[in-house]
Amino acid sequence: MNKIVNRVAAIAALALAATPIIGLTAAHAAERQEPVARIQVGDLRLSNPADAKQFARRVDLAARSTCDAFGARGIAARVCLAEFKAEVKDALSEKQVADLRMANRAGAKVALASN
């Protein structure tokens, strides 16, 4: 009986020791799988048509580089680009969307401003 208790205790100790290692490995793997794209907007006035077009270019470049990092090709690349742009659109504040709409009325034709 004493041997069984010792074995169970040893297995439990090993399991407890391995748990943080497994968690750190999974967290590190998750970091590598999901690239992060940053799109600078602080230097732009989104209500200005030229700046709105520049913002749209930056979004397009970030989307392409992110989708390329995932290795998306063909239809998968198009889906990736559309989803990326939809996420950017969802992340915009109400003021930014209003400014982009104002730029569209002035002739910018930025797709991110449309509903």
C-alpha atoms as a PDB file:
ATOM      1  CA  MET A   1       0.000   0.000   0.000  1.00  0.00           C
ATOM      2  CA  ASN A   2       2.837   2.326   0.830  1.00  0.00           C
ATOM      3  CA  LYS A   3       4.373   1.817  -2.647  1.00  0.00           C
ATOM      4  CA  ILE A   4       1.097   2.792  -4.374  1.00  0.00           C
ATOM      5  CA  VAL A   5       0.801   5.984  -2.335  1.00  0.00           C
ATOM      6  CA  ASN A   6       4.406   6.899  -3.125  1.00  0.00           C
ATOM      7  CA  ARG A   7       3.884   6.306  -6.864  1.00  0.00           C
ATOM      8  CA  VAL A   8       0.672   8.358  -6.936  1.00  0.00           C
ATOM      9  CA  ALA A   9       2.435  11.153  -5.060  1.00  0.00           C
ATOM     10  CA  ALA A  10       5.372  11.062  -7.483  1.00  0.00           C
ATOM     11  CA  ILE A  11       3.063  11.156 -10.533  1.00  0.00           C
ATOM     12  CA  ALA A  12       1.106  14.052  -9.029  1.00  0.00           C
ATOM     13  CA  ALA A  13       4.318  15.969  -8.342  1.00  0.00           C
ATOM     14  CA  LEU A  14       5.495  15.450 -11.923  1.00  0.00           C
ATOM     15  CA  ALA A  15       2.128  16.574 -13.280  1.00  0.00           C
ATOM     16  CA  LEU A  16       2.229  19.728 -11.176  1.00  0.00           C
ATOM     17  CA  ALA A  17       5.766  20.474 -12.316  1.00  0.00           C
ATOM     18  CA  ALA A  18       4.875  20.012 -16.009  1.00  0.00           C
ATOM     19  CA  THR A  19       1.743  22.209 -15.948  1.00  0.00           C
ATOM     20  CA  PRO A  20       3.519  25.625 -16.137  1.00  0.00           C
ATOM     21  CA  ILE A  21       5.832  24.369 -18.862  1.00  0.00           C
ATOM     22  CA  ILE A  22       2.878  23.249 -20.989  1.00  0.00           C
ATOM     23  CA  GLY A  23       1.122  26.590 -20.404  1.00  0.00           C
ATOM     24  CA  LEU A  24       4.179  28.610 -21.390  1.00  0.00           C
ATOM     25  CA  THR A  25       4.711  26.535 -24.517  1.00  0.00           C
ATOM     26  CA  ALA A  26       1.087  26.996 -25.600  1.00  0.00           C
ATOM     27  CA  ALA A  27       1.216  30.752 -24.972  1.00  0.00           C
ATOM     28  CA  HIS A  28       4.436  31.071 -26.963  1.00  0.00           C
ATOM     29  CA  ALA A  29       2.953  29.073 -29.841  1.00  0.00           C
ATOM     30  CA  ALA A  30      -0.137  31.304 -29.868  1.00  0.00           C
ATOM     31  CA  GLU A  31       2.088  34.379 -30.187  1.00  0.00           C
ATOM     32  CA  ARG A  32       3.700  33.026 -33.329  1.00  0.00           C
ATOM     33  CA  GLN A  33       0.425  32.027 -34.965  1.00  0.00           C
ATOM     34  CA  GLU A  34      -1.314  35.389 -34.852  1.00  0.00           C
ATOM     35  CA  PRO A  35       0.566  38.304 -36.427  1.00  0.00           C
ATOM     36  CA  VAL A  36      -0.366  41.753 -35.188  1.00  0.00           C
ATOM     37  CA  ALA A  37      -0.828  44.629 -37.586  1.00  0.00           C
ATOM     38  CA  ARG A  38      -0.636  48.239 -36.463  1.00  0.00           C
ATOM     39  CA  ILE A  39      -2.076  50.974 -38.610  1.00  0.00           C
ATOM     40  CA  GLN A  40      -0.997  54.477 -37.739  1.00  0.00           C
ATOM     41  CA  VAL A  41      -3.829  57.039 -37.865  1.00  0.00           C
ATOM     42  CA  GLY A  42      -2.616  59.724 -35.465  1.00  0.00           C
ATOM     43  CA  ASP A  43      -0.974  61.763 -38.197  1.00  0.00           C
ATOM     44  CA  LEU A  44      -4.088  61.783 -40.424  1.00  0.00           C
ATOM     45  CA  ARG A  45      -7.268  63.857 -40.479  1.00  0.00           C
ATOM     46  CA  LEU A  46      -9.736  61.267 -41.707  1.00  0.00           C
ATOM     47  CA  SER A  47     -12.238  63.939 -42.768  1.00  0.00           C
ATOM     48  CA  ASN A  48      -9.695  65.108 -45.363  1.00  0.00           C
ATOM     49  CA  PRO A  49     -10.133  63.076 -48.611  1.00  0.00           C
ATOM     50  CA  ALA A  50      -6.368  62.771 -49.207  1.00  0.00           C
ATOM     51  CA  ASP A  51      -5.769  61.541 -45.657  1.00  0.00           C
ATOM     52  CA  ALA A  52      -8.730  59.147 -45.901  1.00  0.00           C
ATOM     53  CA  LYS A  53      -7.213  57.644 -49.061  1.00  0.00           C
ATOM     54  CA  GLN A  54      -3.843  57.368 -47.295  1.00  0.00           C
ATOM     55  CA  PHE A  55      -5.552  55.553 -44.409  1.00  0.00           C
ATOM     56  CA  ALA A  56      -7.213  53.161 -46.862  1.00  0.00           C
ATOM     57  CA  ARG A  57      -3.790  52.476 -48.446  1.00  0.00           C
ATOM     58  CA  ARG A  58      -2.300  51.741 -45.025  1.00  0.00           C
ATOM     59  CA  VAL A  59      -5.146  49.354 -44.216  1.00  0.00           C
ATOM     60  CA  ASP A  60      -4.677  47.609 -47.558  1.00  0.00           C
ATOM     61  CA  LEU A  61      -0.911  47.222 -47.028  1.00  0.00           C
ATOM     62  CA  ALA A  62      -1.399  45.908 -43.485  1.00  0.00           C
ATOM     63  CA  ALA A  63      -4.077  43.487 -44.695  1.00  0.00           C
ATOM     64  CA  ARG A  64      -1.866  42.159 -47.473  1.00  0.00           C
ATOM     65  CA  SER A  65       1.163  41.697 -45.222  1.00  0.00           C
ATOM     66  CA  THR A  66      -0.939  39.978 -42.548  1.00  0.00           C
ATOM     67  CA  CYS A  67      -2.617  37.638 -45.032  1.00  0.00           C
ATOM     68  CA  ASP A  68       0.759  36.878 -46.624  1.00  0.00           C
ATOM     69  CA  ALA A  69       2.096  35.976 -43.168  1.00  0.00           C
ATOM     70  CA  PHE A  70      -0.718  33.431 -42.856  1.00  0.00           C
ATOM     71  CA  GLY A  71       0.218  32.063 -46.276  1.00  0.00           C
ATOM     72  CA  ALA A  72      -3.230  32.717 -47.747  1.00  0.00           C
ATOM     73  CA  ARG A  73      -3.465  32.329 -51.534  1.00  0.00           C
ATOM     74  CA  GLY A  74      -6.273  32.633 -54.071  1.00  0.00           C
ATOM     75  CA  ILE A  75      -9.772  32.704 -52.657  1.00  0.00           C
ATOM     76  CA  ALA A  76      -8.434  32.284 -49.113  1.00  0.00           C
ATOM     77  CA  ALA A  77      -6.398  35.466 -49.591  1.00  0.00           C
ATOM     78  CA  ARG A  78      -9.492  37.381 -50.700  1.00  0.00           C
ATOM     79  CA  VAL A  79     -11.430  36.136 -47.689  1.00  0.00           C
ATOM     80  CA  CYS A  80      -8.532  37.048 -45.412  1.00  0.00           C
ATOM     81  CA  LEU A  81      -8.384  40.585 -46.855  1.00  0.00           C
ATOM     82  CA  ALA A  82     -12.140  41.053 -46.473  1.00  0.00           C
ATOM     83  CA  GLU A  83     -12.109  39.814 -42.881  1.00  0.00           C
ATOM     84  CA  PHE A  84      -9.125  42.007 -42.005  1.00  0.00           C
ATOM     85  CA  LYS A  85     -10.824  45.097 -43.398  1.00  0.00           C
ATOM     86  CA  ALA A  86     -14.062  44.206 -41.593  1.00  0.00           C
ATOM     87  CA  GLU A  87     -12.144  43.965 -38.315  1.00  0.00           C
ATOM     88  CA  VAL A  88     -10.519  47.349 -38.950  1.00  0.00           C
ATOM     89  CA  LYS A  89     -13.919  48.832 -39.703  1.00  0.00           C
ATOM     90  CA  ASP A  90     -15.311  47.389 -36.457  1.00  0.00           C
ATOM     91  CA  ALA A  91     -12.349  48.803 -34.513  1.00  0.00           C
ATOM     92  CA  LEU A  92     -12.886  52.371 -35.757  1.00  0.00           C
ATOM     93  CA  SER A  93     -14.467  54.803 -33.334  1.00  0.00           C
ATOM     94  CA  GLU A  94     -17.725  56.556 -34.166  1.00  0.00           C
ATOM     95  CA  LYS A  95     -15.839  59.788 -34.802  1.00  0.00           C
ATOM     96  CA  GLN A  96     -13.424  58.084 -37.190  1.00  0.00           C
ATOM     97  CA  VAL A  97     -16.305  56.530 -39.131  1.00  0.00           C
ATOM     98  CA  ALA A  98     -18.064  59.917 -39.265  1.00  0.00           C
ATOM     99  CA  ASP A  99     -14.846  61.554 -40.511  1.00  0.00           C
ATOM    100  CA  LEU A 100     -14.419  58.894 -43.200  1.00  0.00           C
ATOM    101  CA  ARG A 101     -18.021  59.400 -44.304  1.00  0.00           C
ATOM    102  CA  MET A 102     -17.370  63.137 -44.533  1.00  0.00           C
ATOM    103  CA  ALA A 103     -14.304  62.418 -46.681  1.00  0.00           C
ATOM    104  CA  ASN A 104     -16.416  60.135 -48.892  1.00  0.00           C
ATOM    105  CA  ARG A 105     -18.898  62.932 -49.434  1.00  0.00           C
ATOM    106  CA  ALA A 106     -15.968  65.093 -50.492  1.00  0.00           C
ATOM    107  CA  GLY A 107     -14.920  62.466 -53.052  1.00  0.00           C
ATOM    108  CA  ALA A 108     -12.489  60.141 -51.247  1.00  0.00           C
ATOM    109  CA  LYS A 109     -14.407  56.904 -52.062  1.00  0.00           C
ATOM    110  CA  VAL A 110     -13.083  54.949 -49.089  1.00  0.00           C
ATOM    111  CA  ALA A 111     -14.891  51.622 -48.646  1.00  0.00           C
ATOM    112  CA  LEU A 112     -14.272  51.527 -44.879  1.00  0.00           C
ATOM    113  CA  ALA A 113     -16.753  54.363 -44.359  1.00  0.00           C
ATOM    114  CA  SER A 114     -19.712  52.556 -45.886  1.00  0.00           C
ATOM    115  CA  ASN A 115     -22.065  50.342 -43.896  1.00  0.00           C
END
